[in-house]
């Protein structure tokens, strides 16, 4: 009985960690549902890019490089990121790296903005890159929606 209890005490925190990681995600709309996505009622890619950069930097990201249609950001992962996505025995910090892509909307006079997230960690054999399933769709959708509001308010 004690042995079962100790296994349960190990499994429960792991499940809670996984659930908390999954709770920070959601779905975009349409066929790109594995990504955070938003449609902005503007074709001004400069204004959209500026709003995205402001929002991501306000949320702790640094702009790596990029100009429309692709913007790249990164920030060091938290202890939770290291625990969930890091490699065992690797003490290097995992980095969260969203790539934001702007593209003309196929049916509207608007811009489709998507955010694809990867987690990278340097190791002895190079950089290990993970593309966690559905990572970032609620948290990143919120940031995309903040940028949308700013752009559409400025019109």
Protein backbone atom coordinates (compact mmCIF):
# COMPACT_ATOMS: atom_id res chain seq x y z
CA UNK A 1 0.00 0.00 0.00
CA UNK A 2 2.82 2.39 0.87
CA UNK A 3 4.48 1.64 -2.47
CA UNK A 4 1.30 2.46 -4.42
CA UNK A 5 0.89 5.67 -2.49
CA UNK A 6 4.45 6.76 -3.33
CA UNK A 7 3.92 6.04 -7.05
CA UNK A 8 0.68 8.03 -6.96
CA UNK A 9 2.52 10.87 -5.24
CA UNK A 10 4.97 10.92 -8.17
CA UNK A 11 2.38 10.60 -10.92
CA UNK A 12 0.00 13.26 -9.57
CA UNK A 13 2.53 16.15 -9.70
CA UNK A 14 3.62 15.06 -13.19
CA UNK A 15 -0.01 15.07 -14.37
CA UNK A 16 -0.64 18.45 -12.76
CA UNK A 17 2.45 19.90 -14.45
CA UNK A 18 1.35 18.52 -17.81
CA UNK A 19 -2.18 19.81 -17.33
CA UNK A 20 -0.92 23.26 -16.36
CA UNK A 21 1.25 23.32 -19.46
CA UNK A 22 -1.74 22.29 -21.56
CA UNK A 23 -4.04 24.78 -19.86
CA UNK A 24 -1.93 27.60 -21.25
CA UNK A 25 -2.87 26.55 -24.75
CA UNK A 26 -5.99 26.70 -26.85
CA UNK A 27 -6.91 26.72 -30.50
CA UNK A 28 -6.72 29.23 -33.29
CA UNK A 29 -9.50 29.26 -35.83
CA UNK A 30 -9.67 27.45 -39.13
CA UNK A 31 -7.24 24.96 -40.64
CA UNK A 32 -4.26 26.35 -38.70
CA UNK A 33 -5.73 25.27 -35.37
CA UNK A 34 -2.39 23.96 -34.03
CA UNK A 35 -1.22 27.58 -33.88
CA UNK A 36 -2.35 30.77 -32.23
CA UNK A 37 -4.01 32.77 -34.98
CA UNK A 38 -5.92 36.00 -35.47
CA UNK A 39 -7.27 37.96 -38.41
CA UNK A 40 -6.53 41.69 -38.28
CA UNK A 41 -8.71 43.98 -40.37
CA UNK A 42 -5.76 45.81 -41.90
CA UNK A 43 -3.24 45.26 -44.67
CA UNK A 44 -0.66 47.60 -43.08
CA UNK A 45 2.04 45.06 -42.27
CA UNK A 46 4.29 47.76 -40.79
CA UNK A 47 1.63 48.82 -38.25
CA UNK A 48 0.83 45.19 -37.47
CA UNK A 49 4.52 44.34 -37.00
CA UNK A 50 5.06 47.35 -34.70
CA UNK A 51 2.06 46.36 -32.56
CA UNK A 52 3.25 42.74 -32.37
CA UNK A 53 6.77 43.77 -31.37
CA UNK A 54 5.41 46.07 -28.66
CA UNK A 55 3.10 43.38 -27.25
CA UNK A 56 5.72 40.61 -27.28
CA UNK A 57 8.34 42.86 -25.67
CA UNK A 58 5.83 43.89 -22.98
CA UNK A 59 5.46 40.16 -22.25
CA UNK A 60 9.19 39.61 -21.69
CA UNK A 61 10.27 38.58 -25.19
CA UNK A 62 13.17 40.06 -27.11
CA UNK A 63 12.89 40.59 -30.84
CA UNK A 64 15.50 38.39 -32.52
CA UNK A 65 15.12 39.55 -36.07
CA UNK A 66 12.58 39.82 -38.73
CA UNK A 67 10.49 41.97 -40.91
CA UNK A 68 7.14 41.18 -42.40
CA UNK A 69 6.06 38.55 -43.14
CA UNK A 70 8.12 36.79 -40.40
CA UNK A 71 8.95 38.07 -36.91
CA UNK A 72 11.06 36.08 -34.45
CA UNK A 73 11.09 36.47 -30.66
CA UNK A 74 12.66 34.67 -27.72
CA UNK A 75 12.92 34.59 -23.95
CA UNK A 76 14.40 32.18 -21.43
CA UNK A 77 12.05 29.52 -20.18
CA UNK A 78 10.94 29.33 -16.57
CA UNK A 79 11.67 26.52 -14.15
CA UNK A 80 8.44 24.89 -15.32
CA UNK A 81 9.63 25.07 -18.92
CA UNK A 82 12.90 23.40 -17.90
CA UNK A 83 11.05 20.68 -15.95
CA UNK A 84 8.50 19.93 -18.68
CA UNK A 85 10.49 20.45 -21.89
CA UNK A 86 14.19 20.41 -20.89
CA UNK A 87 16.53 17.47 -21.33
CA UNK A 88 17.55 15.54 -18.24
CA UNK A 89 21.04 16.40 -17.08
CA UNK A 90 21.23 19.46 -19.31
CA UNK A 91 21.62 22.58 -17.18
CA UNK A 92 21.36 25.00 -20.11
CA UNK A 93 18.30 27.22 -20.12
CA UNK A 94 15.57 26.25 -22.58
CA UNK A 95 14.51 29.20 -24.77
CA UNK A 96 10.94 29.81 -25.90
CA UNK A 97 10.98 31.03 -29.50
CA UNK A 98 7.73 32.11 -31.16
CA UNK A 99 7.72 32.78 -34.90
CA UNK A 100 4.94 35.13 -35.97
CA UNK A 101 3.91 35.10 -39.62
CA UNK A 102 1.79 37.69 -41.41
CA UNK A 103 -0.02 36.69 -44.58
CA UNK A 104 -2.85 38.15 -46.66
CA UNK A 105 -6.19 36.71 -45.63
CA UNK A 106 -7.54 34.49 -48.45
CA UNK A 107 -11.08 35.92 -48.48
CA UNK A 108 -11.02 39.26 -46.65
CA UNK A 109 -9.20 42.54 -47.07
CA UNK A 110 -7.21 41.71 -43.93
CA UNK A 111 -4.05 40.07 -42.61
CA UNK A 112 -3.87 36.60 -41.08
CA UNK A 113 -1.35 36.42 -38.21
CA UNK A 114 -0.16 33.04 -36.89
CA UNK A 115 2.23 32.18 -34.08
CA UNK A 116 4.25 28.96 -34.10
CA UNK A 117 6.24 28.21 -30.94
CA UNK A 118 9.34 26.09 -30.49
CA UNK A 119 11.42 25.41 -27.40
CA UNK A 120 15.18 25.19 -27.91
CA UNK A 121 17.90 24.05 -25.54
CA UNK A 122 21.61 23.99 -26.30
CA UNK A 123 23.34 20.71 -25.50
CA UNK A 124 26.57 18.83 -26.08
CA UNK A 125 25.40 17.64 -29.50
CA UNK A 126 23.95 20.94 -30.71
CA UNK A 127 20.58 22.52 -30.18
CA UNK A 128 17.60 20.36 -29.31
CA UNK A 129 14.41 21.83 -30.75
CA UNK A 130 10.97 20.72 -29.69
CA UNK A 131 7.65 21.66 -31.25
CA UNK A 132 5.25 20.92 -28.44
CA UNK A 133 1.77 20.04 -29.65
CA UNK A 134 -0.59 23.02 -29.35
CA UNK A 135 1.93 25.07 -27.38
CA UNK A 136 1.00 28.64 -26.99
CA UNK A 137 -2.37 28.96 -28.51
CA UNK A 138 -4.20 30.59 -25.58
CA UNK A 139 -1.29 32.61 -24.17
CA UNK A 140 -0.10 33.62 -27.61
CA UNK A 141 -3.62 34.18 -28.93
CA UNK A 142 -4.04 36.69 -26.14
CA UNK A 143 -0.94 38.57 -27.30
CA UNK A 144 -2.06 38.44 -30.93
CA UNK A 145 -5.47 39.80 -29.90
CA UNK A 146 -3.80 42.65 -27.99
CA UNK A 147 -1.90 43.59 -31.17
CA UNK A 148 -5.12 43.30 -33.19
CA UNK A 149 -6.93 45.72 -30.85
CA UNK A 150 -4.08 48.22 -31.10
CA UNK A 151 -3.94 48.10 -34.88
CA UNK A 152 -7.69 48.28 -35.38
CA UNK A 153 -8.02 51.11 -32.82
CA UNK A 154 -5.46 53.13 -34.76
CA UNK A 155 -7.36 52.86 -38.04
